[in-house]
Amino acid sequence: MKELVELIIKSLVDSPDEVVVTESETDKGLLVEVKVAPSDMGKVIGKQGRVARAIRSVVKAAASKEDKKVIVDIQ
């Protein structure tokens, strides 16, 4: 999942070298944390959170094939 999120985020931002994606296992499922440059935060979140919601939907669909629960946290 980390690679999928990283690919999507890096294609959206102006500073792809500042994107940091970490993946960790929690009791609720797989946690994917995304850190971007402050200037790119608006591009990742989008108007009214639409881009962030779309990213989460794509990751959720990919995770459902593997019967996993994935939480995407954008920071």
PDB file of N, CA and C in Angstrom:
ATOM      1  N   MET A   1       0.817  -1.197   0.000  1.00  0.00           N
ATOM      2  CA  MET A   1       0.000   0.000   0.000  1.00  0.00           C
ATOM      3  C   MET A   1       0.861   1.260   0.000  1.00  0.00           C
ATOM      4  N   LYS A   2       2.002   1.175   0.661  1.00  0.00           N
ATOM      5  CA  LYS A   2       2.893   2.329   0.753  1.00  0.00           C
ATOM      6  C   LYS A   2       3.286   2.823  -0.631  1.00  0.00           C
ATOM      7  N   GLU A   3       3.604   1.901  -1.524  1.00  0.00           N
ATOM      8  CA  GLU A   3       4.044   2.275  -2.860  1.00  0.00           C
ATOM      9  C   GLU A   3       2.919   2.948  -3.645  1.00  0.00           C
ATOM     10  N   LEU A   4       1.716   2.448  -3.494  1.00  0.00           N
ATOM     11  CA  LEU A   4       0.559   3.025  -4.181  1.00  0.00           C
ATOM     12  C   LEU A   4       0.312   4.458  -3.721  1.00  0.00           C
ATOM     13  N   VAL A   5       0.302   4.668  -2.412  1.00  0.00           N
ATOM     14  CA  VAL A   5       0.070   6.006  -1.860  1.00  0.00           C
ATOM     15  C   VAL A   5       1.184   6.954  -2.292  1.00  0.00           C
ATOM     16  N   GLU A   6       2.411   6.477  -2.228  1.00  0.00           N
ATOM     17  CA  GLU A   6       3.558   7.305  -2.601  1.00  0.00           C
ATOM     18  C   GLU A   6       3.470   7.726  -4.073  1.00  0.00           C
ATOM     19  N   LEU A   7       3.098   6.823  -4.938  1.00  0.00           N
ATOM     20  CA  LEU A   7       2.964   7.129  -6.363  1.00  0.00           C
ATOM     21  C   LEU A   7       1.885   8.182  -6.606  1.00  0.00           C
ATOM     22  N   ILE A   8       0.756   8.030  -5.956  1.00  0.00           N
ATOM     23  CA  ILE A   8      -0.347   8.983  -6.144  1.00  0.00           C
ATOM     24  C   ILE A   8       0.047  10.367  -5.633  1.00  0.00           C
ATOM     25  N   ILE A   9       0.589  10.428  -4.423  1.00  0.00           N
ATOM     26  CA  ILE A   9       0.930  11.712  -3.801  1.00  0.00           C
ATOM     27  C   ILE A   9       2.022  12.420  -4.584  1.00  0.00           C
ATOM     28  N   LYS A  10       3.057  11.699  -4.970  1.00  0.00           N
ATOM     29  CA  LYS A  10       4.173  12.335  -5.690  1.00  0.00           C
ATOM     30  C   LYS A  10       3.741  12.901  -7.034  1.00  0.00           C
ATOM     31  N   SER A  11       2.726  12.314  -7.646  1.00  0.00           N
ATOM     32  CA  SER A  11       2.245  12.840  -8.924  1.00  0.00           C
ATOM     33  C   SER A  11       1.411  14.112  -8.745  1.00  0.00           C
ATOM     34  N   LEU A  12       0.944  14.374  -7.530  1.00  0.00           N
ATOM     35  CA  LEU A  12       0.107  15.545  -7.273  1.00  0.00           C
ATOM     36  C   LEU A  12       0.893  16.791  -6.869  1.00  0.00           C
ATOM     37  N   VAL A  13       2.004  16.610  -6.171  1.00  0.00           N
ATOM     38  CA  VAL A  13       2.689  17.732  -5.533  1.00  0.00           C
ATOM     39  C   VAL A  13       3.757  18.361  -6.431  1.00  0.00           C
ATOM     40  N   ASP A  14       4.184  19.583  -6.050  1.00  0.00           N
ATOM     41  CA  ASP A  14       5.256  20.276  -6.752  1.00  0.00           C
ATOM     42  C   ASP A  14       6.635  19.835  -6.258  1.00  0.00           C
ATOM     43  N   SER A  15       6.711  19.368  -5.010  1.00  0.00           N
ATOM     44  CA  SER A  15       7.985  18.941  -4.412  1.00  0.00           C
ATOM     45  C   SER A  15       7.924  17.456  -4.067  1.00  0.00           C
ATOM     46  N   PRO A  16       8.043  16.578  -5.081  1.00  0.00           N
ATOM     47  CA  PRO A  16       7.926  15.137  -4.794  1.00  0.00           C
ATOM     48  C   PRO A  16       9.059  14.581  -3.932  1.00  0.00           C
ATOM     49  N   ASP A  17      10.189  15.278  -3.883  1.00  0.00           N
ATOM     50  CA  ASP A  17      11.292  14.811  -3.056  1.00  0.00           C
ATOM     51  C   ASP A  17      11.051  15.029  -1.567  1.00  0.00           C
ATOM     52  N   GLU A  18      10.076  15.867  -1.215  1.00  0.00           N
ATOM     53  CA  GLU A  18       9.758  16.124   0.194  1.00  0.00           C
ATOM     54  C   GLU A  18       8.632  15.230   0.723  1.00  0.00           C
ATOM     55  N   VAL A  19       8.121  14.345  -0.112  1.00  0.00           N
ATOM     56  CA  VAL A  19       7.050  13.436   0.302  1.00  0.00           C
ATOM     57  C   VAL A  19       7.658  12.280   1.079  1.00  0.00           C
ATOM     58  N   VAL A  20       7.127  12.042   2.285  1.00  0.00           N
ATOM     59  CA  VAL A  20       7.569  10.926   3.125  1.00  0.00           C
ATOM     60  C   VAL A  20       6.347  10.085   3.459  1.00  0.00           C
ATOM     61  N   VAL A  21       6.401   8.810   3.096  1.00  0.00           N
ATOM     62  CA  VAL A  21       5.296   7.893   3.366  1.00  0.00           C
ATOM     63  C   VAL A  21       5.813   6.783   4.269  1.00  0.00           C
ATOM     64  N   THR A  22       5.166   6.610   5.423  1.00  0.00           N
ATOM     65  CA  THR A  22       5.541   5.529   6.333  1.00  0.00           C
ATOM     66  C   THR A  22       4.353   4.605   6.533  1.00  0.00           C
ATOM     67  N   GLU A  23       4.658   3.359   6.777  1.00  0.00           N
ATOM     68  CA  GLU A  23       3.622   2.332   6.920  1.00  0.00           C
ATOM     69  C   GLU A  23       3.864   1.596   8.229  1.00  0.00           C
ATOM     70  N   SER A  24       2.823   1.442   9.021  1.00  0.00           N
ATOM     71  CA  SER A  24       2.961   0.704  10.283  1.00  0.00           C
ATOM     72  C   SER A  24       1.686  -0.091  10.548  1.00  0.00           C
ATOM     73  N   GLU A  25       1.844  -1.164  11.281  1.00  0.00           N
ATOM     74  CA  GLU A  25       0.724  -2.041  11.614  1.00  0.00           C
ATOM     75  C   GLU A  25       0.148  -1.619  12.968  1.00  0.00           C
ATOM     76  N   THR A  26      -1.168  -1.447  13.031  1.00  0.00           N
ATOM     77  CA  THR A  26      -1.831  -1.122  14.288  1.00  0.00           C
ATOM     78  C   THR A  26      -2.888  -2.182  14.557  1.00  0.00           C
ATOM     79  N   ASP A  27      -3.533  -2.069  15.718  1.00  0.00           N
ATOM     80  CA  ASP A  27      -4.582  -3.034  16.047  1.00  0.00           C
ATOM     81  C   ASP A  27      -5.819  -2.837  15.165  1.00  0.00           C
ATOM     82  N   LYS A  28      -5.989  -1.643  14.586  1.00  0.00           N
ATOM     83  CA  LYS A  28      -7.138  -1.362  13.719  1.00  0.00           C
ATOM     84  C   LYS A  28      -6.856  -1.705  12.260  1.00  0.00           C
ATOM     85  N   GLY A  29      -5.603  -1.922  11.911  1.00  0.00           N
ATOM     86  CA  GLY A  29      -5.249  -2.229  10.528  1.00  0.00           C
ATOM     87  C   GLY A  29      -3.919  -1.616  10.164  1.00  0.00           C
ATOM     88  N   LEU A  30      -3.725  -1.377   8.908  1.00  0.00           N
ATOM     89  CA  LEU A  30      -2.486  -0.824   8.390  1.00  0.00           C
ATOM     90  C   LEU A  30      -2.605   0.696   8.359  1.00  0.00           C
ATOM     91  N   LEU A  31      -1.655   1.391   8.966  1.00  0.00           N
ATOM     92  CA  LEU A  31      -1.654   2.848   9.018  1.00  0.00           C
ATOM     93  C   LEU A  31      -0.605   3.372   8.049  1.00  0.00           C
ATOM     94  N   VAL A  32      -1.024   4.182   7.096  1.00  0.00           N
ATOM     95  CA  VAL A  32      -0.112   4.795   6.135  1.00  0.00           C
ATOM     96  C   VAL A  32      -0.110   6.296   6.419  1.00  0.00           C
ATOM     97  N   GLU A  33       1.031   6.809   6.868  1.00  0.00           N
ATOM     98  CA  GLU A  33       1.165   8.226   7.184  1.00  0.00           C
ATOM     99  C   GLU A  33       1.882   8.928   6.037  1.00  0.00           C
ATOM    100  N   VAL A  34       1.331  10.049   5.614  1.00  0.00           N
ATOM    101  CA  VAL A  34       1.884  10.813   4.497  1.00  0.00           C
ATOM    102  C   VAL A  34       2.260  12.198   5.011  1.00  0.00           C
ATOM    103  N   LYS A  35       3.520  12.583   4.779  1.00  0.00           N
ATOM    104  CA  LYS A  35       3.976  13.926   5.136  1.00  0.00           C
ATOM    105  C   LYS A  35       4.423  14.622   3.867  1.00  0.00           C
ATOM    106  N   VAL A  36       3.892  15.833   3.642  1.00  0.00           N
ATOM    107  CA  VAL A  36       4.240  16.615   2.460  1.00  0.00           C
ATOM    108  C   VAL A  36       4.695  18.002   2.899  1.00  0.00           C
ATOM    109  N   ALA A  37       5.282  18.740   1.979  1.00  0.00           N
ATOM    110  CA  ALA A  37       5.690  20.113   2.255  1.00  0.00           C
ATOM    111  C   ALA A  37       4.440  20.952   2.537  1.00  0.00           C
ATOM    112  N   PRO A  38       4.570  21.929   3.429  1.00  0.00           N
ATOM    113  CA  PRO A  38       3.397  22.766   3.744  1.00  0.00           C
ATOM    114  C   PRO A  38       2.779  23.443   2.518  1.00  0.00           C
ATOM    115  N   SER A  39       3.597  23.787   1.543  1.00  0.00           N
ATOM    116  CA  SER A  39       3.067  24.443   0.336  1.00  0.00           C
ATOM    117  C   SER A  39       2.258  23.480  -0.530  1.00  0.00           C
ATOM    118  N   ASP A  40       2.465  22.174  -0.367  1.00  0.00           N
ATOM    119  CA  ASP A  40       1.743  21.175  -1.155  1.00  0.00           C
ATOM    120  C   ASP A  40       0.521  20.601  -0.435  1.00  0.00           C
ATOM    121  N   MET A  41       0.300  20.999   0.789  1.00  0.00           N
ATOM    122  CA  MET A  41      -0.786  20.432   1.580  1.00  0.00           C
ATOM    123  C   MET A  41      -2.146  20.652   0.908  1.00  0.00           C
ATOM    124  N   GLY A  42      -2.372  21.816   0.345  1.00  0.00           N
ATOM    125  CA  GLY A  42      -3.643  22.118  -0.307  1.00  0.00           C
ATOM    126  C   GLY A  42      -3.902  21.247  -1.519  1.00  0.00           C
ATOM    127  N   LYS A  43      -2.844  20.916  -2.246  1.00  0.00           N
ATOM    128  CA  LYS A  43      -3.000  20.066  -3.426  1.00  0.00           C
ATOM    129  C   LYS A  43      -3.371  18.644  -3.038  1.00  0.00           C
ATOM    130  N   VAL A  44      -2.845  18.174  -1.924  1.00  0.00           N
ATOM    131  CA  VAL A  44      -3.112  16.811  -1.484  1.00  0.00           C
ATOM    132  C   VAL A  44      -4.510  16.696  -0.873  1.00  0.00           C
ATOM    133  N   ILE A  45      -4.936  17.732  -0.164  1.00  0.00           N
ATOM    134  CA  ILE A  45      -6.258  17.691   0.473  1.00  0.00           C
ATOM    135  C   ILE A  45      -7.360  18.047  -0.535  1.00  0.00           C
ATOM    136  N   GLY A  46      -7.146  19.077  -1.332  1.00  0.00           N
ATOM    137  CA  GLY A  46      -8.137  19.480  -2.334  1.00  0.00           C
ATOM    138  C   GLY A  46      -9.272  20.282  -1.727  1.00  0.00           C
ATOM    139  N   LYS A  47     -10.121  20.798  -2.595  1.00  0.00           N
ATOM    140  CA  LYS A  47     -11.264  21.581  -2.112  1.00  0.00           C
ATOM    141  C   LYS A  47     -12.220  20.682  -1.346  1.00  0.00           C
ATOM    142  N   GLN A  48     -12.526  21.087  -0.134  1.00  0.00           N
ATOM    143  CA  GLN A  48     -13.424  20.360   0.769  1.00  0.00           C
ATOM    144  C   GLN A  48     -12.978  18.917   0.983  1.00  0.00           C
ATOM    145  N   GLY A  49     -11.682  18.650   0.837  1.00  0.00           N
ATOM    146  CA  GLY A  49     -11.146  17.320   1.102  1.00  0.00           C
ATOM    147  C   GLY A  49     -11.421  16.289   0.028  1.00  0.00           C
ATOM    148  N   ARG A  50     -11.765  16.729  -1.164  1.00  0.00           N
ATOM    149  CA  ARG A  50     -12.148  15.786  -2.223  1.00  0.00           C
ATOM    150  C   ARG A  50     -10.982  14.930  -2.704  1.00  0.00           C
ATOM    151  N   VAL A  51      -9.796  15.525  -2.842  1.00  0.00           N
ATOM    152  CA  VAL A  51      -8.638  14.764  -3.317  1.00  0.00           C
ATOM    153  C   VAL A  51      -8.229  13.738  -2.262  1.00  0.00           C
ATOM    154  N   ALA A  52      -8.202  14.158  -1.002  1.00  0.00           N
ATOM    155  CA  ALA A  52      -7.857  13.235   0.086  1.00  0.00           C
ATOM    156  C   ALA A  52      -8.863  12.086   0.155  1.00  0.00           C
ATOM    157  N   ARG A  53     -10.127  12.390  -0.014  1.00  0.00           N
ATOM    158  CA  ARG A  53     -11.171  11.361   0.010  1.00  0.00           C
ATOM    159  C   ARG A  53     -10.993  10.392  -1.160  1.00  0.00           C
ATOM    160  N   ALA A  54     -10.621  10.919  -2.325  1.00  0.00           N
ATOM    161  CA  ALA A  54     -10.405  10.071  -3.496  1.00  0.00           C
ATOM    162  C   ALA A  54      -9.200   9.152  -3.293  1.00  0.00           C
ATOM    163  N   ILE A  55      -8.141   9.682  -2.696  1.00  0.00           N
ATOM    164  CA  ILE A  55      -6.949   8.862  -2.407  1.00  0.00           C
ATOM    165  C   ILE A  55      -7.328   7.729  -1.463  1.00  0.00           C
ATOM    166  N   ARG A  56      -8.068   8.058  -0.427  1.00  0.00           N
ATOM    167  CA  ARG A  56      -8.488   7.034   0.543  1.00  0.00           C
ATOM    168  C   ARG A  56      -9.376   5.979  -0.118  1.00  0.00           C
ATOM    169  N   SER A  57     -10.229   6.391  -1.050  1.00  0.00           N
ATOM    170  CA  SER A  57     -11.104   5.440  -1.741  1.00  0.00           C
ATOM    171  C   SER A  57     -10.312   4.467  -2.602  1.00  0.00           C
ATOM    172  N   VAL A  58      -9.306   4.980  -3.312  1.00  0.00           N
ATOM    173  CA  VAL A  58      -8.479   4.132  -4.159  1.00  0.00           C
ATOM    174  C   VAL A  58      -7.702   3.130  -3.309  1.00  0.00           C
ATOM    175  N   VAL A  59      -7.131   3.602  -2.210  1.00  0.00           N
ATOM    176  CA  VAL A  59      -6.357   2.725  -1.329  1.00  0.00           C
ATOM    177  C   VAL A  59      -7.272   1.697  -0.672  1.00  0.00           C
ATOM    178  N   LYS A  60      -8.465   2.111  -0.296  1.00  0.00           N
ATOM    179  CA  LYS A  60      -9.413   1.178   0.318  1.00  0.00           C
ATOM    180  C   LYS A  60      -9.809   0.084  -0.670  1.00  0.00           C
ATOM    181  N   ALA A  61     -10.003   0.460  -1.933  1.00  0.00           N
ATOM    182  CA  ALA A  61     -10.355  -0.525  -2.951  1.00  0.00           C
ATOM    183  C   ALA A  61      -9.216  -1.515  -3.170  1.00  0.00           C
ATOM    184  N   ALA A  62      -7.992  -1.025  -3.199  1.00  0.00           N
ATOM    185  CA  ALA A  62      -6.833  -1.906  -3.370  1.00  0.00           C
ATOM    186  C   ALA A  62      -6.657  -2.810  -2.162  1.00  0.00           C
ATOM    187  N   ALA A  63      -6.931  -2.295  -0.973  1.00  0.00           N
ATOM    188  CA  ALA A  63      -6.775  -3.082   0.248  1.00  0.00           C
ATOM    189  C   ALA A  63      -7.863  -4.137   0.384  1.00  0.00           C
ATOM    190  N   SER A  64      -9.032  -3.874  -0.170  1.00  0.00           N
ATOM    191  CA  SER A  64     -10.126  -4.844  -0.052  1.00  0.00           C
ATOM    192  C   SER A  64      -9.818  -6.125  -0.817  1.00  0.00           C
ATOM    193  N   LYS A  65      -8.984  -6.036  -1.844  1.00  0.00           N
ATOM    194  CA  LYS A  65      -8.578  -7.235  -2.567  1.00  0.00           C
ATOM    195  C   LYS A  65      -7.760  -8.170  -1.682  1.00  0.00           C
ATOM    196  N   GLU A  66      -7.042  -7.576  -0.732  1.00  0.00           N
ATOM    197  CA  GLU A  66      -6.191  -8.352   0.174  1.00  0.00           C
ATOM    198  C   GLU A  66      -6.841  -8.559   1.540  1.00  0.00           C
ATOM    199  N   ASP A  67      -8.101  -8.195   1.674  1.00  0.00           N
ATOM    200  CA  ASP A  67      -8.828  -8.273   2.949  1.00  0.00           C
ATOM    201  C   ASP A  67      -8.095  -7.567   4.082  1.00  0.00           C
ATOM    202  N   LYS A  68      -7.643  -6.348   3.815  1.00  0.00           N
ATOM    203  CA  LYS A  68      -6.965  -5.537   4.823  1.00  0.00           C
ATOM    204  C   LYS A  68      -7.729  -4.241   5.017  1.00  0.00           C
ATOM    205  N   LYS A  69      -7.542  -3.637   6.187  1.00  0.00           N
ATOM    206  CA  LYS A  69      -8.099  -2.324   6.449  1.00  0.00           C
ATOM    207  C   LYS A  69      -6.930  -1.349   6.479  1.00  0.00           C
ATOM    208  N   VAL A  70      -7.027  -0.293   5.692  1.00  0.00           N
ATOM    209  CA  VAL A  70      -5.946   0.681   5.586  1.00  0.00           C
ATOM    210  C   VAL A  70      -6.459   2.049   5.991  1.00  0.00           C
ATOM    211  N   ILE A  71      -5.689   2.743   6.821  1.00  0.00           N
ATOM    212  CA  ILE A  71      -6.003   4.086   7.253  1.00  0.00           C
ATOM    213  C   ILE A  71      -4.930   5.006   6.666  1.00  0.00           C
ATOM    214  N   VAL A  72      -5.339   6.019   5.892  1.00  0.00           N
ATOM    215  CA  VAL A  72      -4.398   6.969   5.313  1.00  0.00           C
ATOM    216  C   VAL A  72      -4.474   8.269   6.112  1.00  0.00           C
ATOM    217  N   ASP A  73      -3.340   8.666   6.704  1.00  0.00           N
ATOM    218  CA  ASP A  73      -3.263   9.864   7.528  1.00  0.00           C
ATOM    219  C   ASP A  73      -2.362  10.862   6.819  1.00  0.00           C
ATOM    220  N   ILE A  74      -2.907  12.025   6.452  1.00  0.00           N
ATOM    221  CA  ILE A  74      -2.150  13.041   5.746  1.00  0.00           C
ATOM    222  C   ILE A  74      -1.744  14.127   6.739  1.00  0.00           C
ATOM    223  N   GLN A  75      -0.445  14.380   6.774  1.00  0.00           N
ATOM    224  CA  GLN A  75       0.081  15.382   7.732  1.00  0.00           C
ATOM    225  C   GLN A  75       0.838  16.451   7.002  1.00  0.00           C
TER     226      GLN A  75
END
